[in-house]
Amino acid sequence: MKAAFFLGPEKMEIREVEVPQVEEGEVLLRVAACAICGTDVRIFHHGHSHVQPPQTTGHEIAGEIVEVGKGVEGYKVGDKVVVITVISCGRCRYCRRGLQNLCPEQKYIGYDYPGGFAEFLKIPREGVERGNLLVLPPDADLLEASLVEPLSCVVNGQSYLNIGFGENVLVIGAGPIGCMHVELARNRGAGKIFLADISQERLKLAQVVEADEYINSQEENLTQRILELTDNLGADVIIVAASSGSAQEEALEMVAPQGRISFFGGLPRENPTIKFDSNVVHYKEVGVFGVFASHASQYEEAAKLIYSGRVRAKRLITHVLSLEEVVKGIDLVRQGIALKAVVSMENN
């Protein structure tokens, strides 16, 4: 089979290797599609503490089971599946509450274990035992299903926000995650949804999600515009889907009383602090939430949203590439040319 191997910062190589041998308790997938996310971009350019080269990366994976090892129950050859990235310990207080994404001993497919930028992928025994494969309906579109993982993170982010009927929502960051937040907020009953970004090209690509207002915050004052659009009250919900400390600070300036803010995007490790006006939180009774990854039940909700068409994930996919073009796809995502780029094994 062919697989892309990360060899160190800005080094990737397509290699011919043996298809993994399935042992007791393991499952082998034929990868159909693996989407590229911002983390894949950061790994390619800077490496990652969980990725020891040479390693096959890629964690937004959809495929089909082609072999099951001895003793495996609940899965069969021919099942279409999405891979759940986090393999947790299964024992800690967070795992017992179903919060596998907060497990202190978690490991990741596409980081600690080989990932989806390959024609075949073996799911290790611990992943099979802990339910890291979500079975899809037989007619599921696997290209579209590669977006279940990022949508599950969006589901997790909005689980804290309790978006109410008719509430105004501002999403900062018009990448694929921001676009998914727009789609999901509409499903939750939001009133007006505003989408802001500093890139006009991003905003142009994001027209597919039909936000009520697109704001280029490089060209106009975002806080002033949001106040104009909300009768000077501010947005009820603000989601900062960008790795920007200044955007997080600005969110505190334009949130409505009893509003909720999600710091969805993490900040660079070398500059993680912001100026935080805690009086805004105190006097306006504002909630500020963080979010990291997602857990199994949120993958299931995301899969249902995509399969039912309530979140139209496929129109977010602007580029479909072959495995040999994975570095090109990473670059398209880095430059903001692609909204969502997906490596499809059908293109090999």
Protein backbone atom coordinates (compact mmCIF):
# COMPACT_ATOMS: atom_id res chain seq x y z
CA MET A 1 0.00 0.00 0.00
CA LYS A 2 0.94 3.67 -0.24
CA ALA A 3 1.29 5.83 2.86
CA ALA A 4 2.51 9.37 3.51
CA PHE A 5 5.21 9.52 6.18
CA PHE A 6 5.99 12.66 8.16
CA LEU A 7 9.80 12.67 8.54
CA GLY A 8 10.21 15.93 10.41
CA PRO A 9 9.26 19.58 9.91
CA GLU A 10 8.41 20.23 6.24
CA LYS A 11 9.43 16.72 5.22
CA MET A 12 6.83 14.26 3.90
CA GLU A 13 7.41 11.18 1.77
CA ILE A 14 5.05 8.79 0.00
CA ARG A 15 6.25 5.23 0.56
CA GLU A 16 5.22 1.77 -0.59
CA VAL A 17 4.85 -0.39 2.53
CA GLU A 18 3.19 -3.65 3.49
CA VAL A 19 -0.48 -3.60 4.44
CA PRO A 20 -0.61 -3.93 8.26
CA GLN A 21 -1.17 -7.46 9.56
CA VAL A 22 -4.28 -7.75 11.71
CA GLU A 23 -3.81 -9.51 15.02
CA GLU A 24 -6.28 -10.55 17.69
CA GLY A 25 -8.67 -7.75 18.66
CA GLU A 26 -7.66 -5.46 15.79
CA VAL A 27 -9.51 -4.12 12.74
CA LEU A 28 -8.20 -3.14 9.31
CA LEU A 29 -9.79 -0.29 7.32
CA ARG A 30 -9.50 0.69 3.72
CA VAL A 31 -9.28 4.46 4.05
CA ALA A 32 -11.71 6.25 1.75
CA ALA A 33 -11.01 9.84 2.76
CA CYS A 34 -8.94 11.78 5.27
CA ALA A 35 -9.56 15.51 5.60
CA ILE A 36 -6.77 17.98 6.31
CA CYS A 37 -7.09 20.29 9.31
CA GLY A 38 -5.10 23.11 10.82
CA THR A 39 -3.37 20.72 13.21
CA ASP A 40 -2.06 18.72 10.25
CA VAL A 41 -0.61 21.98 8.92
CA ARG A 42 1.11 22.74 12.24
CA ILE A 43 2.49 19.19 12.49
CA PHE A 44 3.91 19.37 8.98
CA HIS A 45 5.64 22.70 9.58
CA HIS A 46 6.62 22.44 13.25
CA GLY A 47 6.19 18.85 14.43
CA HIS A 48 4.22 17.76 17.50
CA SER A 49 5.14 16.22 20.86
CA HIS A 50 2.87 13.23 20.16
CA VAL A 51 4.26 12.60 16.66
CA GLN A 52 7.56 10.76 16.48
CA PRO A 53 8.88 10.55 12.88
CA PRO A 54 8.59 8.59 10.75
CA GLN A 55 4.82 8.58 11.26
CA THR A 56 1.70 8.62 9.13
CA THR A 57 -0.48 11.53 10.23
CA GLY A 58 -4.10 12.47 9.43
CA HIS A 59 -6.98 12.02 11.88
CA GLU A 60 -10.21 13.10 10.11
CA ILE A 61 -10.80 9.62 8.74
CA ALA A 62 -13.64 7.74 7.05
CA GLY A 63 -13.29 4.28 5.57
CA GLU A 64 -14.57 0.73 5.26
CA ILE A 65 -13.68 -2.33 7.32
CA VAL A 66 -11.90 -4.97 5.22
CA GLU A 67 -10.69 -7.33 7.96
CA VAL A 68 -11.51 -8.05 11.60
CA GLY A 69 -9.19 -9.86 13.96
CA LYS A 70 -10.05 -12.81 16.16
CA GLY A 71 -12.28 -11.91 19.09
CA VAL A 72 -13.62 -8.66 17.61
CA GLU A 73 -17.33 -8.14 18.22
CA GLY A 74 -19.66 -5.42 16.99
CA TYR A 75 -17.87 -4.79 13.70
CA LYS A 76 -17.91 -6.68 10.41
CA VAL A 77 -16.29 -6.57 7.00
CA GLY A 78 -18.08 -4.02 4.81
CA ASP A 79 -19.04 -1.65 7.62
CA LYS A 80 -18.55 2.00 6.73
CA VAL A 81 -16.97 3.80 9.67
CA VAL A 82 -15.59 7.04 11.01
CA VAL A 83 -12.52 6.85 13.25
CA ILE A 84 -12.72 8.49 16.68
CA THR A 85 -9.32 10.11 17.21
CA VAL A 86 -8.78 9.93 20.97
CA ILE A 87 -7.96 6.56 22.51
CA SER A 88 -8.47 7.10 26.23
CA CYS A 89 -7.52 4.98 29.24
CA GLY A 90 -11.13 3.97 29.92
CA ARG A 91 -10.58 4.06 33.70
CA CYS A 92 -10.14 7.63 34.93
CA ARG A 93 -12.87 9.90 36.32
CA TYR A 94 -13.26 11.62 32.93
CA CYS A 95 -13.54 8.40 30.94
CA ARG A 96 -16.16 7.09 33.38
CA ARG A 97 -18.19 10.25 32.66
CA GLY A 98 -17.83 9.80 28.89
CA LEU A 99 -15.37 12.68 28.58
CA GLN A 100 -12.63 10.77 26.80
CA ASN A 101 -11.24 14.01 25.34
CA LEU A 102 -10.17 15.08 28.85
CA CYS A 103 -8.48 11.80 29.78
CA PRO A 104 -4.98 12.58 31.14
CA GLU A 105 -3.58 9.42 29.52
CA GLN A 106 -5.12 9.89 26.09
CA LYS A 107 -3.34 8.95 22.89
CA TYR A 108 -4.33 9.86 19.35
CA ILE A 109 -4.76 8.12 16.03
CA GLY A 110 -2.73 10.12 13.53
CA TYR A 111 -0.30 11.18 16.25
CA ASP A 112 0.77 8.37 18.62
CA TYR A 113 -0.69 5.76 16.26
CA PRO A 114 -0.52 5.76 12.44
CA GLY A 115 -3.21 7.91 10.83
CA GLY A 116 -5.30 8.22 7.72
CA PHE A 117 -2.93 9.56 5.07
CA ALA A 118 -2.58 5.98 3.83
CA GLU A 119 -4.56 3.49 1.77
CA PHE A 120 -5.08 1.16 4.76
CA LEU A 121 -5.20 1.79 8.50
CA LYS A 122 -5.06 -0.68 11.37
CA ILE A 123 -7.10 0.19 14.45
CA PRO A 124 -5.22 -1.10 17.52
CA ARG A 125 -6.86 -3.43 19.98
CA GLU A 126 -7.28 -0.72 22.63
CA GLY A 127 -9.08 1.46 20.07
CA VAL A 128 -11.42 -1.37 19.05
CA GLU A 129 -12.17 -2.24 22.69
CA ARG A 130 -12.94 1.37 23.60
CA GLY A 131 -15.27 2.02 20.69
CA ASN A 132 -13.09 4.16 18.45
CA LEU A 133 -15.02 3.16 15.34
CA LEU A 134 -18.42 4.71 14.67
CA VAL A 135 -20.45 2.60 12.22
CA LEU A 136 -22.30 4.63 9.59
CA PRO A 137 -25.37 3.77 7.51
CA PRO A 138 -24.54 1.62 4.44
CA ASP A 139 -25.34 4.47 2.04
CA ALA A 140 -23.24 7.09 3.85
CA ASP A 141 -21.01 9.26 1.67
CA LEU A 142 -17.48 8.62 2.98
CA LEU A 143 -15.98 11.77 1.46
CA GLU A 144 -18.49 13.83 3.42
CA ALA A 145 -18.09 11.59 6.47
CA SER A 146 -14.45 12.65 6.78
CA LEU A 147 -15.85 15.90 8.22
CA VAL A 148 -17.54 14.14 11.14
CA GLU A 149 -14.46 14.62 13.34
CA PRO A 150 -14.23 18.43 13.01
CA LEU A 151 -18.01 18.77 13.30
CA SER A 152 -17.92 16.72 16.51
CA CYS A 153 -15.55 19.35 17.96
CA VAL A 154 -18.03 22.06 16.96
CA VAL A 155 -20.82 20.09 18.66
CA ASN A 156 -18.68 19.97 21.81
CA GLY A 157 -18.01 23.70 21.63
CA GLN A 158 -21.67 24.61 21.32
CA SER A 159 -22.72 22.18 24.07
CA TYR A 160 -21.62 24.83 26.59
CA LEU A 161 -23.36 27.75 24.90
CA ASN A 162 -27.07 26.83 25.03
CA ILE A 163 -27.93 28.90 21.98
CA GLY A 164 -31.51 30.02 22.43
CA PHE A 165 -34.24 30.67 19.90
CA GLY A 166 -33.66 33.98 18.13
CA GLU A 167 -30.35 34.80 19.80
CA ASN A 168 -27.69 36.69 17.83
CA VAL A 169 -24.51 34.71 17.23
CA LEU A 170 -21.13 36.05 16.11
CA VAL A 171 -18.53 33.61 14.77
CA ILE A 172 -15.00 34.99 14.41
CA GLY A 173 -12.99 32.97 11.90
CA ALA A 174 -14.41 31.95 8.51
CA GLY A 175 -12.47 28.72 8.09
CA PRO A 176 -14.18 25.32 7.96
CA ILE A 177 -14.70 25.26 11.74
CA GLY A 178 -16.26 28.72 11.71
CA CYS A 179 -18.52 27.68 8.83
CA MET A 180 -19.61 24.59 10.75
CA HIS A 181 -20.39 26.79 13.76
CA VAL A 182 -22.66 28.88 11.52
CA GLU A 183 -24.46 25.76 10.27
CA LEU A 184 -24.87 24.28 13.75
CA ALA A 185 -25.98 27.56 15.32
CA ARG A 186 -28.73 27.75 12.73
CA ASN A 187 -29.78 24.22 13.70
CA ARG A 188 -29.89 25.32 17.33
CA GLY A 189 -32.40 28.08 16.52
CA ALA A 190 -30.17 31.15 16.35
CA GLY A 191 -31.65 34.38 15.04
CA LYS A 192 -29.08 36.46 13.19
CA ILE A 193 -25.66 34.87 12.56
CA PHE A 194 -22.67 37.08 11.81
CA LEU A 195 -19.40 35.72 10.41
CA ALA A 196 -16.21 37.75 10.66
CA ASP A 197 -12.67 37.28 9.35
CA ILE A 198 -9.65 39.38 8.38
CA SER A 199 -9.44 37.64 4.98
CA GLN A 200 -11.79 38.63 2.19
CA GLU A 201 -10.91 35.40 0.38
CA ARG A 202 -12.04 33.36 3.38
CA LEU A 203 -15.26 35.32 3.63
CA LYS A 204 -15.89 34.73 -0.07
CA LEU A 205 -15.42 30.95 0.34
CA ALA A 206 -17.69 31.02 3.40
CA GLN A 207 -20.64 32.41 1.42
CA VAL A 208 -21.78 28.79 1.04
CA VAL A 209 -23.09 28.74 4.61
CA GLU A 210 -25.28 31.81 4.07
CA ALA A 211 -24.58 33.77 7.23
CA ASP A 212 -26.79 36.83 7.71
CA GLU A 213 -23.84 39.22 7.67
CA TYR A 214 -20.20 38.87 6.56
CA ILE A 215 -17.77 41.29 8.19
CA ASN A 216 -14.19 41.94 7.16
CA SER A 217 -12.70 43.02 10.48
CA GLN A 218 -9.56 44.19 8.71
CA GLU A 219 -11.57 46.83 6.89
CA GLU A 220 -14.16 47.86 9.49
CA ASN A 221 -14.40 48.03 13.27
CA LEU A 222 -15.93 44.70 14.30
CA THR A 223 -17.14 45.80 17.73
CA GLN A 224 -18.82 48.89 16.32
CA ARG A 225 -20.48 46.89 13.53
CA ILE A 226 -21.81 44.23 15.93
CA LEU A 227 -23.25 46.89 18.22
CA GLU A 228 -24.95 48.50 15.20
CA LEU A 229 -26.46 45.16 14.20
CA THR A 230 -27.74 44.35 17.70
CA ASP A 231 -29.33 47.62 18.85
CA ASN A 232 -26.21 48.39 20.88
CA LEU A 233 -26.63 45.27 23.04
CA GLY A 234 -23.87 43.09 21.62
CA ALA A 235 -23.99 39.47 20.48
CA ASP A 236 -25.65 36.91 22.74
CA VAL A 237 -23.12 34.25 21.75
CA ILE A 238 -19.59 34.82 20.44
CA ILE A 239 -17.47 31.96 19.14
CA VAL A 240 -13.80 32.75 18.54
CA ALA A 241 -12.91 30.07 15.98
CA ALA A 242 -9.50 31.54 15.31
CA SER A 243 -6.11 31.36 17.01
CA SER A 244 -6.15 35.03 17.91
CA GLY A 245 -5.65 36.58 21.34
CA SER A 246 -6.82 39.98 20.10
CA ALA A 247 -10.08 38.41 18.86
CA GLN A 248 -10.61 36.82 22.27
CA GLU A 249 -10.08 40.19 23.93
CA GLU A 250 -12.45 41.91 21.51
CA ALA A 251 -15.14 39.30 22.20
CA LEU A 252 -15.35 40.63 25.76
CA GLU A 253 -16.04 44.12 24.38
CA MET A 254 -19.06 43.18 22.28
CA VAL A 255 -20.86 40.48 24.23
CA ALA A 256 -24.43 41.12 25.43
CA PRO A 257 -25.50 40.86 29.08
CA GLN A 258 -25.77 37.19 30.05
CA GLY A 259 -23.94 36.34 26.85
CA ARG A 260 -21.67 33.35 26.35
CA ILE A 261 -18.23 33.33 24.77
CA SER A 262 -16.38 30.29 23.45
CA PHE A 263 -12.61 30.41 23.09
CA PHE A 264 -12.66 27.65 20.49
CA GLY A 265 -9.22 28.25 18.99
CA GLY A 266 -6.11 27.69 21.10
CA LEU A 267 -3.35 30.30 21.17
CA PRO A 268 0.33 29.77 20.30
CA ARG A 269 2.27 28.20 23.16
CA GLU A 270 4.80 31.03 23.13
CA ASN A 271 2.07 33.69 23.55
CA PRO A 272 -0.95 32.18 25.36
CA THR A 273 -2.06 35.08 27.55
CA ILE A 274 -4.57 37.85 26.87
CA LYS A 275 -5.79 40.99 28.60
CA PHE A 276 -8.99 39.82 30.28
CA ASP A 277 -11.48 42.36 31.64
CA SER A 278 -13.06 40.32 34.41
CA ASN A 279 -15.46 43.17 35.24
CA VAL A 280 -17.26 42.46 31.97
CA VAL A 281 -17.81 38.89 33.14
CA HIS A 282 -18.87 40.09 36.58
CA TYR A 283 -21.23 42.96 35.77
CA LYS A 284 -22.74 41.51 32.60
CA GLU A 285 -23.03 37.97 34.02
CA VAL A 286 -21.10 36.57 31.08
CA GLY A 287 -19.90 32.99 30.70
CA VAL A 288 -16.55 32.23 29.04
CA PHE A 289 -15.86 28.65 27.99
CA GLY A 290 -12.97 26.69 26.61
CA VAL A 291 -13.27 23.57 24.47
CA PHE A 292 -10.91 20.82 23.40
CA ALA A 293 -11.61 18.05 20.87
CA SER A 294 -14.75 15.93 21.45
CA HIS A 295 -15.98 12.60 22.74
CA ALA A 296 -17.74 9.59 21.25
CA SER A 297 -21.37 10.69 21.68
CA GLN A 298 -20.54 13.96 19.90
CA TYR A 299 -19.12 12.05 16.94
CA GLU A 300 -22.46 10.26 16.76
CA GLU A 301 -24.40 13.53 16.83
CA ALA A 302 -22.12 15.00 14.16
CA ALA A 303 -22.58 11.93 11.94
CA LYS A 304 -26.37 12.25 12.27
CA LEU A 305 -26.26 15.95 11.40
CA ILE A 306 -24.26 15.27 8.24
CA TYR A 307 -26.15 12.16 7.16
CA SER A 308 -29.52 13.90 7.58
CA GLY A 309 -28.36 16.95 5.63
CA ARG A 310 -28.99 19.28 8.55
CA VAL A 311 -25.32 20.26 8.30
CA ARG A 312 -24.37 20.38 4.62
CA ALA A 313 -20.77 19.35 5.09
CA LYS A 314 -20.00 18.44 1.50
CA ARG A 315 -20.25 22.02 0.26
CA LEU A 316 -17.42 22.95 2.60
CA ILE A 317 -15.08 20.66 0.64
CA THR A 318 -13.39 22.85 -1.96
CA HIS A 319 -10.46 20.57 -2.86
CA VAL A 320 -10.23 16.79 -3.25
CA LEU A 321 -6.69 15.52 -3.70
CA SER A 322 -4.82 12.27 -4.16
CA LEU A 323 -2.50 10.87 -1.50
CA GLU A 324 0.49 12.02 -3.56
CA GLU A 325 -0.86 15.58 -3.28
CA VAL A 326 -1.11 15.65 0.52
CA VAL A 327 1.61 18.30 0.90
CA LYS A 328 -0.14 20.42 -1.73
CA GLY A 329 -3.36 20.07 0.28
CA ILE A 330 -1.59 21.11 3.47
CA ASP A 331 -0.29 24.19 1.70
CA LEU A 332 -3.73 25.06 0.30
CA VAL A 333 -5.13 24.95 3.84
CA ARG A 334 -2.22 27.00 5.22
CA GLN A 335 -2.70 29.72 2.60
CA GLY A 336 -6.47 29.84 3.11
CA ILE A 337 -7.07 28.93 -0.52
CA ALA A 338 -8.97 25.78 0.48
CA LEU A 339 -11.95 25.93 2.78
CA LYS A 340 -11.72 22.19 3.38
CA ALA A 341 -9.26 19.96 1.55
CA VAL A 342 -9.71 16.17 1.64
CA VAL A 343 -7.30 13.45 0.61
CA SER A 344 -9.36 10.82 -1.22
CA MET A 345 -7.94 7.37 -1.85
CA GLU A 346 -10.32 7.13 -4.81
CA ASN A 347 -8.04 9.71 -6.49
CA ASN A 348 -4.90 7.54 -6.25
